[in-house]
Protein backbone atom coordinates (compact mmCIF):
# COMPACT_ATOMS: atom_id res chain seq x y z
CA UNK A 1 94.49 131.14 130.42
CA UNK A 2 96.00 128.54 127.85
CA UNK A 3 97.84 129.09 124.98
CA UNK A 4 95.57 127.43 123.06
CA UNK A 5 92.38 128.25 124.71
CA UNK A 6 93.31 132.09 124.25
CA UNK A 7 94.67 131.27 120.73
CA UNK A 8 90.94 130.17 119.95
CA UNK A 9 88.99 132.97 121.91
CA UNK A 10 90.98 135.17 120.15
CA UNK A 11 90.07 133.55 116.57
CA UNK A 12 86.20 133.62 117.80
CA UNK A 13 86.39 137.47 118.30
CA UNK A 14 87.49 137.88 114.86
CA UNK A 15 84.47 135.36 113.44
CA UNK A 16 81.85 137.19 115.35
CA UNK A 17 81.22 133.98 117.31
CA UNK A 18 80.00 133.82 120.60
CA UNK A 19 81.43 131.43 123.38
CA UNK A 20 77.64 129.99 123.27
CA UNK A 21 77.35 129.53 119.62
CA UNK A 22 80.82 127.40 119.76
CA UNK A 23 79.87 125.73 122.78
CA UNK A 24 76.64 124.47 120.67
CA UNK A 25 78.67 123.47 117.78
CA UNK A 26 81.50 121.86 119.28
CA UNK A 27 79.01 120.19 122.09
CA UNK A 28 81.67 121.51 124.89
CA UNK A 29 79.93 123.13 127.95
CA UNK A 30 79.74 127.12 127.97
CA UNK A 31 80.68 126.64 131.98
CA UNK A 32 83.73 124.59 130.88
CA UNK A 33 84.83 126.71 127.88
CA UNK A 34 84.76 129.88 130.59
CA UNK A 35 86.52 127.81 132.88
CA UNK A 36 89.39 127.65 131.10
CA UNK A 37 88.83 130.79 129.41
CA UNK A 38 89.43 132.13 133.33
CA UNK A 39 92.30 129.99 133.55
CA UNK A 40 90.38 127.77 136.65
CA UNK A 41 90.51 124.26 134.73
CA UNK A 42 92.90 122.79 131.78
CA UNK A 43 91.25 121.51 128.69
CA UNK A 44 93.13 118.61 127.49
CA UNK A 45 95.33 118.49 124.56
CA UNK A 46 93.28 116.01 122.49
CA UNK A 47 90.45 118.23 123.27
CA UNK A 48 91.82 121.55 122.62
CA UNK A 49 92.74 120.25 119.24
CA UNK A 50 89.53 119.07 118.54
CA UNK A 51 88.14 122.69 118.94
CA UNK A 52 91.16 124.32 117.38
CA UNK A 53 89.98 122.51 114.34
CA UNK A 54 86.11 123.41 114.95
CA UNK A 55 87.35 127.22 114.61
CA UNK A 56 89.36 126.59 111.66
CA UNK A 57 86.05 124.67 109.93
CA UNK A 58 84.08 127.90 111.01
CA UNK A 59 86.63 129.94 109.38
CA UNK A 60 86.47 128.43 106.28
CA UNK A 61 82.86 128.45 106.34
CA UNK A 62 82.61 132.11 106.61
CA UNK A 63 85.44 132.52 104.09
CA UNK A 64 83.06 130.40 101.68
CA UNK A 65 79.86 132.47 102.37
CA UNK A 66 81.40 135.60 101.10
CA UNK A 67 80.17 137.32 98.16
């Protein structure tokens, strides 16, 4: 698994966000993310950076929603 995808996967786990939900928000196919997580395909640098930014935004939303 690509280092960037590995980091995204770990952050999603920490957020309690499923792959399916993340894919819906990010506009990526669940199958494409799954293949990248299993090391069967590579998500390009710009695309993985975009996905990382979405994870960062989700984390910020979660933090802002805390009481």
